[in-house]
C-alpha atoms as a PDB file:
ATOM      1  CA  MET A   1       0.477 -26.506  12.038  1.00  0.00           C
ATOM      2  CA  SER A   2       0.513 -29.921  13.587  1.00  0.00           C
ATOM      3  CA  ALA A   3       1.858 -32.891  11.674  1.00  0.00           C
ATOM      4  CA  ALA A   4      -1.564 -34.564  11.732  1.00  0.00           C
ATOM      5  CA  ALA A   5      -3.261 -31.481  10.279  1.00  0.00           C
ATOM      6  CA  ALA A   6      -0.597 -31.234   7.588  1.00  0.00           C
ATOM      7  CA  ARG A   7      -1.165 -34.857   6.593  1.00  0.00           C
ATOM      8  CA  ASP A   8      -4.933 -34.384   6.478  1.00  0.00           C
ATOM      9  CA  GLY A   9      -4.603 -31.334   4.211  1.00  0.00           C
ATOM     10  CA  GLU A  10      -6.358 -29.031   6.674  1.00  0.00           C
ATOM     11  CA  ARG A  11      -5.411 -25.404   6.543  1.00  0.00           C
ATOM     12  CA  ASP A  12      -4.220 -23.869   9.769  1.00  0.00           C
ATOM     13  CA  PRO A  13      -4.866 -20.125   9.375  1.00  0.00           C
ATOM     14  CA  GLY A  14      -2.477 -19.420  12.224  1.00  0.00           C
ATOM     15  CA  LEU A  15      -0.738 -16.097  11.891  1.00  0.00           C
ATOM     16  CA  GLN A  16      -0.786 -15.824   8.100  1.00  0.00           C
ATOM     17  CA  PRO A  17      -3.598 -13.203   7.977  1.00  0.00           C
ATOM     18  CA  GLU A  18      -1.825 -11.297  10.762  1.00  0.00           C
ATOM     19  CA  ARG A  19       1.467 -11.303   8.836  1.00  0.00           C
ATOM     20  CA  THR A  20      -0.300 -10.133   5.692  1.00  0.00           C
ATOM     21  CA  ARG A  21      -2.065  -7.366   7.620  1.00  0.00           C
ATOM     22  CA  LEU A  22       1.250  -6.216   9.070  1.00  0.00           C
ATOM     23  CA  ALA A  23       2.806  -6.274   5.586  1.00  0.00           C
ATOM     24  CA  TRP A  24       0.042  -3.971   4.325  1.00  0.00           C
ATOM     25  CA  ARG A  25       0.726  -1.640   7.259  1.00  0.00           C
ATOM     26  CA  ARG A  26       4.472  -1.583   6.520  1.00  0.00           C
ATOM     27  CA  THR A  27       3.801  -0.877   2.858  1.00  0.00           C
ATOM     28  CA  THR A  28       1.436   1.941   3.785  1.00  0.00           C
ATOM     29  CA  LEU A  29       4.068   3.396   6.089  1.00  0.00           C
ATOM     30  CA  SER A  30       6.720   3.298   3.352  1.00  0.00           C
ATOM     31  CA  GLY A  31       4.264   4.931   0.941  1.00  0.00           C
ATOM     32  CA  THR A  32       3.638   7.647   3.518  1.00  0.00           C
ATOM     33  CA  VAL A  33       7.353   8.316   3.853  1.00  0.00           C
ATOM     34  CA  SER A  34       7.699   8.430   0.061  1.00  0.00           C
ATOM     35  CA  ALA A  35       4.826  10.894  -0.288  1.00  0.00           C
ATOM     36  CA  VAL A  36       6.227  13.148   2.445  1.00  0.00           C
ATOM     37  CA  LEU A  37       9.673  13.093   0.841  1.00  0.00           C
ATOM     38  CA  ALA A  38       8.151  13.861  -2.565  1.00  0.00           C
ATOM     39  CA  VAL A  39       6.308  16.885  -1.185  1.00  0.00           C
ATOM     40  CA  ARG A  40       9.443  17.981   0.663  1.00  0.00           C
ATOM     41  CA  THR A  41      11.489  17.673  -2.537  1.00  0.00           C
ATOM     42  CA  SER A  42       8.948  19.650  -4.548  1.00  0.00           C
ATOM     43  CA  LEU A  43       8.968  22.467  -1.975  1.00  0.00           C
ATOM     44  CA  TYR A  44      12.709  22.365  -1.291  1.00  0.00           C
ATOM     45  CA  GLN A  45      13.547  23.282  -4.879  1.00  0.00           C
ATOM     46  CA  GLY A  46      11.305  26.330  -4.657  1.00  0.00           C
ATOM     47  CA  VAL A  47       7.601  26.587  -5.250  1.00  0.00           C
ATOM     48  CA  SER A  48       6.833  26.006  -8.905  1.00  0.00           C
ATOM     49  CA  PRO A  49       3.588  25.065 -10.634  1.00  0.00           C
ATOM     50  CA  LEU A  50       5.060  21.741 -11.746  1.00  0.00           C
ATOM     51  CA  GLY A  51       6.342  20.925  -8.248  1.00  0.00           C
ATOM     52  CA  VAL A  52       3.012  21.743  -6.626  1.00  0.00           C
ATOM     53  CA  THR A  53       1.120  19.711  -9.240  1.00  0.00           C
ATOM     54  CA  VAL A  54       3.374  16.677  -8.864  1.00  0.00           C
ATOM     55  CA  GLY A  55       3.272  16.990  -5.067  1.00  0.00           C
ATOM     56  CA  ALA A  56      -0.523  17.155  -5.080  1.00  0.00           C
ATOM     57  CA  LEU A  57      -0.709  14.210  -7.467  1.00  0.00           C
ATOM     58  CA  THR A  58       1.618  12.206  -5.230  1.00  0.00           C
ATOM     59  CA  CYS A  59      -0.589  12.937  -2.221  1.00  0.00           C
ATOM     60  CA  THR A  60      -3.689  11.912  -4.159  1.00  0.00           C
ATOM     61  CA  LEU A  61      -2.063   8.655  -5.234  1.00  0.00           C
ATOM     62  CA  TRP A  62      -0.975   8.024  -1.658  1.00  0.00           C
ATOM     63  CA  LEU A  63      -4.546   8.530  -0.463  1.00  0.00           C
ATOM     64  CA  GLY A  64      -5.753   6.058  -3.101  1.00  0.00           C
ATOM     65  CA  PHE A  65      -3.254   3.465  -1.932  1.00  0.00           C
ATOM     66  CA  LEU A  66      -4.161   4.170   1.687  1.00  0.00           C
ATOM     67  CA  LEU A  67      -7.832   3.547   0.902  1.00  0.00           C
ATOM     68  CA  VAL A  68      -7.098   0.183  -0.735  1.00  0.00           C
ATOM     69  CA  ALA A  69      -4.711  -0.835   2.047  1.00  0.00           C
ATOM     70  CA  HIS A  70      -7.141   0.150   4.789  1.00  0.00           C
ATOM     71  CA  HIS A  71      -9.907  -1.859   3.117  1.00  0.00           C
ATOM     72  CA  ARG A  72      -7.626  -4.904   2.947  1.00  0.00           C
ATOM     73  CA  ILE A  73      -6.399  -4.502   6.534  1.00  0.00           C
ATOM     74  CA  ARG A  74      -9.994  -4.416   7.786  1.00  0.00           C
ATOM     75  CA  ALA A  75     -10.831  -7.519   5.740  1.00  0.00           C
ATOM     76  CA  LEU A  76      -7.861  -9.382   7.209  1.00  0.00           C
ATOM     77  CA  ALA A  77      -8.724  -8.338  10.765  1.00  0.00           C
ATOM     78  CA  ALA A  78     -12.308  -9.614  10.488  1.00  0.00           C
ATOM     79  CA  PRO A  79     -13.068 -12.922  12.171  1.00  0.00           C
ATOM     80  CA  GLY A  80     -13.103 -16.026  10.024  1.00  0.00           C
ATOM     81  CA  THR A  81     -11.306 -16.724   6.787  1.00  0.00           C
ATOM     82  CA  PRO A  82     -10.497 -13.481   4.958  1.00  0.00           C
ATOM     83  CA  ALA A  83     -11.827 -13.012   1.457  1.00  0.00           C
ATOM     84  CA  PRO A  84      -9.233 -13.001  -1.316  1.00  0.00           C
ATOM     85  CA  LEU A  85      -7.956  -9.681  -2.600  1.00  0.00           C
ATOM     86  CA  VAL A  86     -10.209  -8.406  -5.364  1.00  0.00           C
ATOM     87  CA  PRO A  87      -8.264  -8.005  -8.651  1.00  0.00           C
ATOM     88  CA  ARG A  88      -9.621  -4.472  -9.030  1.00  0.00           C
ATOM     89  CA  HIS A  89      -8.142  -3.504  -5.653  1.00  0.00           C
ATOM     90  CA  ALA A  90      -4.838  -5.185  -6.466  1.00  0.00           C
ATOM     91  CA  ALA A  91      -4.682  -3.289  -9.761  1.00  0.00           C
ATOM     92  CA  ALA A  92      -5.462  -0.007  -7.977  1.00  0.00           C
ATOM     93  CA  ALA A  93      -2.672  -0.619  -5.442  1.00  0.00           C
ATOM     94  CA  VAL A  94      -0.180  -1.386  -8.204  1.00  0.00           C
ATOM     95  CA  LEU A  95      -1.293   1.620 -10.263  1.00  0.00           C
ATOM     96  CA  CYS A  96      -0.920   3.975  -7.293  1.00  0.00           C
ATOM     97  CA  THR A  97       2.517   2.575  -6.460  1.00  0.00           C
ATOM     98  CA  VAL A  98       3.841   2.817 -10.019  1.00  0.00           C
ATOM     99  CA  ALA A  99       2.368   6.289 -10.512  1.00  0.00           C
ATOM    100  CA  MET A 100       3.990   7.457  -7.255  1.00  0.00           C
ATOM    101  CA  ALA A 101       7.322   6.155  -8.546  1.00  0.00           C
ATOM    102  CA  VAL A 102       6.830   8.088 -11.797  1.00  0.00           C
ATOM    103  CA  CYS A 103       6.031  11.241  -9.802  1.00  0.00           C
ATOM    104  CA  ALA A 104       9.176  10.741  -7.736  1.00  0.00           C
ATOM    105  CA  ALA A 105      11.242  10.373 -10.906  1.00  0.00           C
ATOM    106  CA  ALA A 106       9.690  13.556 -12.281  1.00  0.00           C
ATOM    107  CA  LEU A 107      10.625  15.448  -9.124  1.00  0.00           C
ATOM    108  CA  VAL A 108      14.225  14.233  -9.164  1.00  0.00           C
ATOM    109  CA  THR A 109      14.875  15.093 -12.810  1.00  0.00           C
END
């Protein structure tokens, strides 16, 4: 942002949407790794009904997070100023993340 634009209070969108889009991609990648490790853990200990259920639930939660993240990544890649994140989508992303953590804890114990 130039000094004149900063003084005038203009917003320089610059790379901020790009950084946010990349952050969503990194978070999706880490969620993917977590889901794969959860399924691996559930199968490594032997196939049990609880392990299969928790593994399937983890995959479902991962797909939910992937859907929200993909929607946000597309919104950030669109030309112009991106729309703010809808609270419903933010809540869904948080719910999927926390539920995946609970599933991981259930698999470890």
